[in-house]
């Protein structure tokens, strides 16, 4: 276990990432706007908050600030941009779609990080090559899926608005 988690911070990071994956997946597939969606959504945000905080405390790979800390910043920004429309209900005509879009990409980014973590554990493979394959592959599939469903999702949020 020492090699997987490193220390107590790594263990908290691992546990929060598992919860974020579970809650994030539920949020993607479940009906939007229900009381359950809201509760699980906040659990996702809390688990991501812990995940992000612990990520900023892990320096095992480079012994300094590294590339993954920058991606953690992107994750933080995505979560914030996904929650601001919920808290402000602005812009009035598109806050639901903005919330959905940023939270969708937050979960897709989490999947990409998970895939990168898995692929880099394969012995005798190029670390950054595997990170690139995992991240690029997941983001590409997520982008294609988003593009294929964007018009339908926009209509869904327009119908709810009226």
Protein backbone atom coordinates (compact mmCIF):
# COMPACT_ATOMS: atom_id res chain seq x y z
CA UNK A 1 0.00 0.00 0.00
CA UNK A 2 2.93 2.31 0.65
CA UNK A 3 3.82 2.40 -3.07
CA UNK A 4 0.26 3.20 -4.12
CA UNK A 5 -0.66 5.91 -1.64
CA UNK A 6 2.68 7.09 -0.27
CA UNK A 7 1.42 8.46 3.04
CA UNK A 8 -1.75 9.56 4.86
CA UNK A 9 -2.32 12.44 2.42
CA UNK A 10 -2.08 9.99 -0.47
CA UNK A 11 -4.59 7.71 1.22
CA UNK A 12 -7.08 10.57 1.68
CA UNK A 13 -6.44 11.53 -1.96
CA UNK A 14 -7.18 7.97 -3.09
CA UNK A 15 -10.35 7.67 -1.00
CA UNK A 16 -11.69 11.06 -2.11
CA UNK A 17 -10.94 10.19 -5.74
CA UNK A 18 -12.96 6.97 -5.43
CA UNK A 19 -15.91 8.89 -3.98
CA UNK A 20 -15.59 11.58 -6.67
CA UNK A 21 -15.63 8.92 -9.40
CA UNK A 22 -18.75 7.30 -7.93
CA UNK A 23 -20.61 10.56 -7.34
CA UNK A 24 -19.49 12.08 -10.65
CA UNK A 25 -20.63 9.05 -12.62
CA UNK A 26 -24.00 9.11 -10.89
CA UNK A 27 -24.40 12.80 -11.69
CA UNK A 28 -23.65 12.22 -15.37
CA UNK A 29 -26.23 9.46 -15.82
CA UNK A 30 -28.99 10.48 -13.39
CA UNK A 31 -31.91 12.83 -14.01
CA UNK A 32 -30.84 16.42 -13.52
CA UNK A 33 -32.34 18.86 -11.03
CA UNK A 34 -33.85 16.37 -8.58
CA UNK A 35 -33.24 16.55 -4.84
CA UNK A 36 -31.04 13.47 -5.13
CA UNK A 37 -29.05 15.08 -7.96
CA UNK A 38 -28.46 18.13 -5.79
CA UNK A 39 -27.35 16.07 -2.76
CA UNK A 40 -25.08 13.77 -4.76
CA UNK A 41 -23.82 16.79 -6.69
CA UNK A 42 -22.68 18.48 -3.50
CA UNK A 43 -21.06 15.23 -2.38
CA UNK A 44 -19.19 15.27 -5.71
CA UNK A 45 -18.06 18.85 -5.15
CA UNK A 46 -16.94 18.07 -1.58
CA UNK A 47 -15.04 14.95 -2.64
CA UNK A 48 -13.44 16.90 -5.49
CA UNK A 49 -12.52 19.67 -3.06
CA UNK A 50 -10.72 17.17 -0.84
CA UNK A 51 -9.14 15.54 -3.90
CA UNK A 52 -7.89 18.91 -5.18
CA UNK A 53 -6.62 19.99 -1.77
CA UNK A 54 -4.67 16.77 -1.29
CA UNK A 55 -3.35 16.92 -4.85
CA UNK A 56 -1.73 20.26 -4.00
CA UNK A 57 -0.04 18.54 -1.04
CA UNK A 58 1.53 15.68 -3.02
CA UNK A 59 5.05 16.19 -4.36
CA UNK A 60 6.30 12.60 -4.70
CA UNK A 61 6.76 12.61 -8.46
CA UNK A 62 8.88 15.74 -8.99
CA UNK A 63 9.68 16.77 -5.39
CA UNK A 64 8.32 20.18 -6.43
CA UNK A 65 5.38 21.78 -8.21
CA UNK A 66 4.77 19.75 -11.37
CA UNK A 67 2.55 19.35 -14.39
CA UNK A 68 -0.15 17.61 -12.38
CA UNK A 69 -0.48 20.60 -10.06
CA UNK A 70 -1.35 22.70 -13.13
CA UNK A 71 -3.99 20.18 -14.17
CA UNK A 72 -5.29 20.31 -10.61
CA UNK A 73 -5.68 24.08 -11.03
CA UNK A 74 -7.72 23.43 -14.17
CA UNK A 75 -9.87 21.02 -12.21
CA UNK A 76 -10.43 23.62 -9.49
CA UNK A 77 -11.35 26.26 -12.06
CA UNK A 78 -13.79 23.87 -13.76
CA UNK A 79 -15.51 23.07 -10.46
CA UNK A 80 -15.77 26.76 -9.53
CA UNK A 81 -17.12 27.69 -12.97
CA UNK A 82 -19.63 24.86 -12.66
CA UNK A 83 -20.88 25.96 -9.26
CA UNK A 84 -21.03 29.75 -9.75
CA UNK A 85 -24.11 29.50 -12.04
CA UNK A 86 -25.85 27.33 -9.41
CA UNK A 87 -25.20 29.86 -6.66
CA UNK A 88 -25.98 33.00 -8.71
CA UNK A 89 -28.60 31.68 -11.19
CA UNK A 90 -26.88 33.87 -13.79
CA UNK A 91 -26.88 34.36 -16.68
CA UNK A 92 -30.63 33.91 -16.45
CA UNK A 93 -31.08 32.28 -19.84
CA UNK A 94 -28.18 29.82 -19.67
CA UNK A 95 -27.05 29.16 -16.09
CA UNK A 96 -28.30 25.56 -16.11
CA UNK A 97 -26.48 24.78 -19.33
CA UNK A 98 -23.29 26.47 -18.08
CA UNK A 99 -23.47 24.48 -14.85
CA UNK A 100 -24.00 21.26 -16.77
CA UNK A 101 -21.18 21.97 -19.23
CA UNK A 102 -18.52 22.76 -16.65
CA UNK A 103 -19.52 19.90 -14.38
CA UNK A 104 -19.55 17.51 -17.36
CA UNK A 105 -15.97 18.49 -18.19
CA UNK A 106 -15.02 18.24 -14.53
CA UNK A 107 -16.10 14.59 -14.48
CA UNK A 108 -14.46 13.87 -17.84
CA UNK A 109 -11.22 15.38 -16.50
CA UNK A 110 -11.52 13.14 -13.45
CA UNK A 111 -11.93 10.11 -15.74
CA UNK A 112 -8.83 11.22 -17.67
CA UNK A 113 -6.82 11.48 -14.46
CA UNK A 114 -8.05 8.04 -13.39
CA UNK A 115 -7.10 6.51 -16.75
CA UNK A 116 -3.68 8.17 -16.59
CA UNK A 117 -3.15 6.80 -13.09
CA UNK A 118 -4.04 3.30 -14.25
CA UNK A 119 -1.92 3.36 -17.42
CA UNK A 120 1.17 4.73 -15.68
CA UNK A 121 1.10 1.71 -13.37
CA UNK A 122 1.81 -0.64 -16.28
CA UNK A 123 5.44 -1.76 -15.90
CA UNK A 124 8.01 -0.70 -18.52
CA UNK A 125 5.78 1.85 -20.22
CA UNK A 126 6.72 5.49 -20.86
CA UNK A 127 5.20 7.52 -18.03
CA UNK A 128 4.34 10.71 -19.93
CA UNK A 129 3.37 8.72 -23.00
CA UNK A 130 0.79 6.85 -20.99
CA UNK A 131 -0.43 10.07 -19.39
CA UNK A 132 -0.85 11.57 -22.85
CA UNK A 133 -2.64 8.55 -24.27
CA UNK A 134 -5.01 8.35 -21.31
CA UNK A 135 -5.74 12.06 -21.12
CA UNK A 136 -6.03 12.58 -24.85
CA UNK A 137 -8.15 9.47 -25.36
CA UNK A 138 -10.62 10.22 -22.59
CA UNK A 139 -10.91 13.90 -23.49
CA UNK A 140 -11.44 12.99 -27.17
CA UNK A 141 -14.18 10.49 -26.37
CA UNK A 142 -15.74 12.97 -23.92
CA UNK A 143 -15.61 15.72 -26.54
CA UNK A 144 -17.17 13.54 -29.23
CA UNK A 145 -19.94 12.47 -26.85
CA UNK A 146 -20.50 16.11 -25.82
CA UNK A 147 -20.63 17.23 -29.45
CA UNK A 148 -23.07 14.48 -30.41
CA UNK A 149 -25.44 15.39 -27.56
CA UNK A 150 -24.97 19.16 -27.28
CA UNK A 151 -28.07 20.14 -29.32
CA UNK A 152 -30.25 17.71 -27.35
CA UNK A 153 -28.90 18.96 -24.03
CA UNK A 154 -29.41 22.61 -25.00
CA UNK A 155 -33.04 21.84 -25.88
CA UNK A 156 -33.48 20.06 -22.55
CA UNK A 157 -32.33 23.11 -20.64
CA UNK A 158 -34.45 25.45 -22.81
CA UNK A 159 -37.57 23.38 -22.10
CA UNK A 160 -36.89 23.48 -18.36
CA UNK A 161 -36.44 27.26 -18.59
CA UNK A 162 -39.95 27.91 -20.01
